[in-house]
Amino acid sequence: MKNPAPYRYDIVGSFLRTKAIHEARSKFEAGEISAEELTKVEDAEITGLVKKEENVGLHAVTDGEYRRSFWHMDFLWGLTGTQKVKSEHFFPSHSRASSRRLRP
């Protein structure tokens, strides 16, 4: 019999963004806080998430992808020849719309 792996997880890695992150991003977009201040909020929220994951006994943890806005757009904006623009027309994906309803 093969030795089993030391652990097995079914964690995708992406968690719903916290209220603090949503508020900080809104303030950043409005010019009320700096990118450095936004990063500090994200850092604190990531630290809290990692502690929660450790407290439930996980050996492999994730940052929750708290710095991402949309998993696919963050990738695309990193490609040469693309540019990030703000659109007045946005149609959320089904999963994004569903996650809004689940948020406490």
Protein backbone atom coordinates (compact mmCIF):
# COMPACT_ATOMS: atom_id res chain seq x y z
CA MET A 1 0.00 0.00 0.00
CA LYS A 2 1.24 3.47 -0.87
CA ASN A 3 1.87 5.96 1.89
CA PRO A 4 -0.98 8.45 1.93
CA ALA A 5 -0.17 12.08 1.33
CA PRO A 6 0.35 14.02 4.56
CA TYR A 7 -2.85 15.98 3.91
CA ARG A 8 -5.66 16.47 1.45
CA TYR A 9 -7.66 19.64 1.00
CA ASP A 10 -10.37 20.79 -1.31
CA ILE A 11 -9.72 24.51 -0.94
CA VAL A 12 -9.95 26.55 -4.09
CA GLY A 13 -8.18 29.44 -2.41
CA SER A 14 -10.62 32.23 -3.11
CA PHE A 15 -12.67 33.58 -0.21
CA LEU A 16 -15.32 36.28 -0.23
CA ARG A 17 -13.73 39.67 0.38
CA THR A 18 -14.37 41.09 3.83
CA LYS A 19 -16.35 44.23 4.58
CA ALA A 20 -13.09 45.97 5.50
CA ILE A 21 -11.61 45.19 2.07
CA HIS A 22 -14.75 46.36 0.24
CA GLU A 23 -14.77 49.61 2.22
CA ALA A 24 -11.04 50.21 1.69
CA ARG A 25 -11.34 49.62 -2.06
CA SER A 26 -14.26 52.05 -2.29
CA LYS A 27 -12.23 54.66 -0.40
CA PHE A 28 -9.22 54.02 -2.63
CA GLU A 29 -11.30 54.45 -5.80
CA ALA A 30 -12.72 57.68 -4.37
CA GLY A 31 -9.20 58.94 -3.65
CA GLU A 32 -9.80 58.94 0.12
CA ILE A 33 -6.93 56.56 0.93
CA SER A 34 -3.62 55.75 -0.75
CA ALA A 35 -2.56 52.47 -2.36
CA GLU A 36 -0.30 51.95 0.67
CA GLU A 37 -3.26 52.30 3.04
CA LEU A 38 -5.30 49.86 0.94
CA THR A 39 -2.43 47.38 1.08
CA LYS A 40 -2.31 47.69 4.88
CA VAL A 41 -6.01 46.80 5.12
CA GLU A 42 -5.51 43.85 2.77
CA ASP A 43 -2.48 42.69 4.78
CA ALA A 44 -4.46 42.78 8.03
CA GLU A 45 -7.39 40.89 6.51
CA ILE A 46 -5.09 38.26 4.98
CA THR A 47 -3.37 37.78 8.35
CA GLY A 48 -6.76 37.26 9.98
CA LEU A 49 -7.83 34.74 7.34
CA VAL A 50 -4.61 32.75 7.66
CA LYS A 51 -5.08 32.61 11.45
CA LYS A 52 -8.62 31.27 10.96
CA GLU A 53 -7.33 28.61 8.58
CA GLU A 54 -4.61 27.59 11.02
CA ASN A 55 -7.10 27.53 13.91
CA VAL A 56 -9.22 24.93 12.13
CA GLY A 57 -6.12 22.79 11.62
CA LEU A 58 -5.20 23.42 8.00
CA HIS A 59 -1.56 22.78 7.12
CA ALA A 60 -1.84 24.47 3.73
CA VAL A 61 -3.38 27.93 3.81
CA THR A 62 -4.33 30.59 1.29
CA ASP A 63 -4.40 34.38 1.26
CA GLY A 64 -7.98 34.12 0.03
CA GLU A 65 -7.01 35.98 -3.13
CA TYR A 66 -7.93 39.11 -1.19
CA ARG A 67 -5.83 41.36 -3.44
CA ARG A 68 -7.65 40.27 -6.59
CA SER A 69 -10.66 42.04 -7.96
CA PHE A 70 -11.72 39.46 -10.56
CA TRP A 71 -9.59 36.34 -11.05
CA HIS A 72 -9.68 36.47 -14.83
CA MET A 73 -9.32 40.24 -15.23
CA ASP A 74 -6.29 40.49 -12.96
CA PHE A 75 -4.62 37.94 -15.24
CA LEU A 76 -5.67 39.73 -18.43
CA TRP A 77 -4.60 43.17 -17.15
CA GLY A 78 -1.13 41.75 -16.63
CA LEU A 79 -0.71 40.87 -20.32
CA THR A 80 1.29 43.14 -22.58
CA GLY A 81 -0.94 45.22 -24.81
CA THR A 82 -3.94 45.33 -22.49
CA GLN A 83 -5.16 48.27 -20.54
CA LYS A 84 -7.44 48.57 -17.54
CA VAL A 85 -10.47 50.76 -18.14
CA LYS A 86 -13.55 51.50 -16.06
CA SER A 87 -16.75 50.62 -17.85
CA GLU A 88 -20.17 52.07 -17.15
CA HIS A 89 -21.68 48.76 -18.27
CA PHE A 90 -20.83 45.75 -16.17
CA PHE A 91 -22.66 42.46 -16.12
CA PRO A 92 -21.56 40.31 -13.18
CA SER A 93 -21.08 36.62 -13.72
CA HIS A 94 -23.53 34.23 -12.09
CA SER A 95 -21.00 33.26 -9.42
CA ARG A 96 -20.25 36.91 -8.58
CA ALA A 97 -23.95 37.72 -8.28
CA SER A 98 -24.49 34.63 -6.13
CA SER A 99 -21.61 35.50 -3.82
CA ARG A 100 -23.19 38.89 -3.13
CA ARG A 101 -26.32 37.19 -1.83
CA LEU A 102 -24.28 34.90 0.41
CA ARG A 103 -22.30 37.67 2.06
CA PRO A 104 -23.49 38.40 5.65
